[in-house]
Amino acid sequence: MSNGTETQPKPPPVDIGTIVKFYPTDDVHPSLFSGHEPPFAALVCGANDDQTVNLIAFNPNAIAAGVPSVVFGEPPAAKAGDPPPAPVSYCK
């Protein structure tokens, strides 16, 4: 039950068209990014309410791919005593 005091998640503070550095996990478009070292150039094409963005990312050969729901900012860090979190794609 809501008491009206909860805050709604907000999109990350980034403008559409912003150029970011993209750090993908190994399972993101492996045919485009494997064999190359990140970061990769990317453009923000949408911002989501869960602090993620949708990107168009480019490999070094200028081949592009759409990548949805990428963490904007640093990936989550492990808390003391917890196992490390699963790797996530992120951009900054």
C-alpha atoms as a PDB file:
ATOM      1  CA  MET A   1       0.000   0.000   0.000  1.00  0.00           C
ATOM      2  CA  SER A   2       1.368   3.376  -0.968  1.00  0.00           C
ATOM      3  CA  ASN A   3       1.386   6.272   1.444  1.00  0.00           C
ATOM      4  CA  GLY A   4       2.295   8.732  -1.292  1.00  0.00           C
ATOM      5  CA  THR A   5       5.817   9.397  -0.040  1.00  0.00           C
ATOM      6  CA  GLU A   6       7.695   6.965  -2.297  1.00  0.00           C
ATOM      7  CA  THR A   7       9.738   8.533  -5.058  1.00  0.00           C
ATOM      8  CA  GLN A   8       9.531   7.188  -8.546  1.00  0.00           C
ATOM      9  CA  PRO A   9      12.772   6.088 -10.232  1.00  0.00           C
ATOM     10  CA  LYS A  10      14.146   8.703 -12.594  1.00  0.00           C
ATOM     11  CA  PRO A  11      16.083   8.269 -15.815  1.00  0.00           C
ATOM     12  CA  PRO A  12      19.820   8.873 -15.591  1.00  0.00           C
ATOM     13  CA  PRO A  13      20.900  12.490 -16.117  1.00  0.00           C
ATOM     14  CA  VAL A  14      22.061  12.144 -19.704  1.00  0.00           C
ATOM     15  CA  ASP A  15      20.864  13.759 -22.921  1.00  0.00           C
ATOM     16  CA  ILE A  16      19.869  11.827 -26.006  1.00  0.00           C
ATOM     17  CA  GLY A  17      22.756  11.964 -28.473  1.00  0.00           C
ATOM     18  CA  THR A  18      25.443  12.061 -25.788  1.00  0.00           C
ATOM     19  CA  ILE A  19      28.619  10.209 -26.760  1.00  0.00           C
ATOM     20  CA  VAL A  20      29.695   7.728 -24.072  1.00  0.00           C
ATOM     21  CA  LYS A  21      32.333   5.046 -23.586  1.00  0.00           C
ATOM     22  CA  PHE A  22      30.757   1.577 -23.645  1.00  0.00           C
ATOM     23  CA  TYR A  23      32.126  -1.408 -21.712  1.00  0.00           C
ATOM     24  CA  PRO A  24      30.187  -4.529 -22.806  1.00  0.00           C
ATOM     25  CA  THR A  25      30.124  -7.936 -21.187  1.00  0.00           C
ATOM     26  CA  ASP A  26      31.399 -10.817 -23.327  1.00  0.00           C
ATOM     27  CA  ASP A  27      27.876 -11.875 -24.344  1.00  0.00           C
ATOM     28  CA  VAL A  28      26.909  -8.548 -25.980  1.00  0.00           C
ATOM     29  CA  HIS A  29      27.151  -8.846 -29.767  1.00  0.00           C
ATOM     30  CA  PRO A  30      30.283 -11.052 -29.604  1.00  0.00           C
ATOM     31  CA  SER A  31      30.646 -11.031 -33.387  1.00  0.00           C
ATOM     32  CA  LEU A  32      31.155  -7.246 -33.260  1.00  0.00           C
ATOM     33  CA  PHE A  33      33.116  -6.693 -30.059  1.00  0.00           C
ATOM     34  CA  SER A  34      35.149  -9.830 -29.395  1.00  0.00           C
ATOM     35  CA  GLY A  35      38.808  -9.466 -30.238  1.00  0.00           C
ATOM     36  CA  HIS A  36      38.713  -5.745 -29.485  1.00  0.00           C
ATOM     37  CA  GLU A  37      39.458  -4.020 -26.183  1.00  0.00           C
ATOM     38  CA  PRO A  38      36.860  -1.720 -24.627  1.00  0.00           C
ATOM     39  CA  PRO A  39      35.876   1.009 -24.316  1.00  0.00           C
ATOM     40  CA  PHE A  40      33.830   1.429 -27.488  1.00  0.00           C
ATOM     41  CA  ALA A  41      32.182   4.603 -28.770  1.00  0.00           C
ATOM     42  CA  ALA A  42      28.420   4.741 -28.301  1.00  0.00           C
ATOM     43  CA  LEU A  43      25.538   7.198 -28.597  1.00  0.00           C
ATOM     44  CA  VAL A  44      22.724   7.387 -26.058  1.00  0.00           C
ATOM     45  CA  CYS A  45      19.424   6.940 -27.884  1.00  0.00           C
ATOM     46  CA  GLY A  46      17.122   6.567 -24.859  1.00  0.00           C
ATOM     47  CA  ALA A  47      17.091   6.768 -21.063  1.00  0.00           C
ATOM     48  CA  ASN A  48      15.096   4.383 -18.861  1.00  0.00           C
ATOM     49  CA  ASP A  49      13.647   4.807 -15.379  1.00  0.00           C
ATOM     50  CA  ASP A  50      15.909   2.111 -13.888  1.00  0.00           C
ATOM     51  CA  GLN A  51      19.147   4.103 -14.358  1.00  0.00           C
ATOM     52  CA  THR A  52      19.908   2.378 -17.647  1.00  0.00           C
ATOM     53  CA  VAL A  53      20.235   3.752 -21.158  1.00  0.00           C
ATOM     54  CA  ASN A  54      19.757   2.362 -24.640  1.00  0.00           C
ATOM     55  CA  LEU A  55      22.771   2.746 -26.901  1.00  0.00           C
ATOM     56  CA  ILE A  56      23.947   2.492 -30.451  1.00  0.00           C
ATOM     57  CA  ALA A  57      27.475   1.163 -29.969  1.00  0.00           C
ATOM     58  CA  PHE A  58      30.245   1.035 -32.561  1.00  0.00           C
ATOM     59  CA  ASN A  59      33.136  -1.390 -32.850  1.00  0.00           C
ATOM     60  CA  PRO A  60      36.531  -0.125 -34.100  1.00  0.00           C
ATOM     61  CA  ASN A  61      35.483  -0.900 -37.688  1.00  0.00           C
ATOM     62  CA  ALA A  62      32.490   1.485 -37.361  1.00  0.00           C
ATOM     63  CA  ILE A  63      29.943  -1.341 -37.380  1.00  0.00           C
ATOM     64  CA  ALA A  64      27.013  -0.394 -35.139  1.00  0.00           C
ATOM     65  CA  ALA A  65      24.633  -2.388 -32.973  1.00  0.00           C
ATOM     66  CA  GLY A  66      21.727  -1.446 -30.736  1.00  0.00           C
ATOM     67  CA  VAL A  67      22.289  -2.311 -27.077  1.00  0.00           C
ATOM     68  CA  PRO A  68      19.327  -1.863 -24.682  1.00  0.00           C
ATOM     69  CA  SER A  69      19.358  -1.424 -20.903  1.00  0.00           C
ATOM     70  CA  VAL A  70      23.010  -0.572 -20.286  1.00  0.00           C
ATOM     71  CA  VAL A  71      23.940   0.649 -16.790  1.00  0.00           C
ATOM     72  CA  PHE A  72      24.773   4.368 -16.882  1.00  0.00           C
ATOM     73  CA  GLY A  73      27.779   5.037 -14.649  1.00  0.00           C
ATOM     74  CA  GLU A  74      29.951   2.596 -12.776  1.00  0.00           C
ATOM     75  CA  PRO A  75      28.702  -0.993 -12.400  1.00  0.00           C
ATOM     76  CA  PRO A  76      27.547  -2.070  -8.937  1.00  0.00           C
ATOM     77  CA  ALA A  77      30.381  -2.939  -6.579  1.00  0.00           C
ATOM     78  CA  ALA A  78      30.441  -5.895  -4.191  1.00  0.00           C
ATOM     79  CA  LYS A  79      29.568  -5.127  -0.592  1.00  0.00           C
ATOM     80  CA  ALA A  80      31.839  -6.375   2.169  1.00  0.00           C
ATOM     81  CA  GLY A  81      31.221 -10.067   2.766  1.00  0.00           C
ATOM     82  CA  ASP A  82      29.062 -10.534  -0.344  1.00  0.00           C
ATOM     83  CA  PRO A  83      30.111 -12.456  -3.437  1.00  0.00           C
ATOM     84  CA  PRO A  84      31.010 -10.273  -6.412  1.00  0.00           C
ATOM     85  CA  PRO A  85      28.009  -9.215  -8.498  1.00  0.00           C
ATOM     86  CA  ALA A  86      27.515 -10.628 -11.971  1.00  0.00           C
ATOM     87  CA  PRO A  87      29.259  -8.569 -14.671  1.00  0.00           C
ATOM     88  CA  VAL A  88      27.058  -6.001 -16.387  1.00  0.00           C
ATOM     89  CA  SER A  89      27.512  -3.852 -19.460  1.00  0.00           C
ATOM     90  CA  TYR A  90      27.947  -0.203 -18.554  1.00  0.00           C
ATOM     91  CA  CYS A  91      28.784   3.161 -20.050  1.00  0.00           C
ATOM     92  CA  LYS A  92      30.148   6.436 -18.777  1.00  0.00           C
END
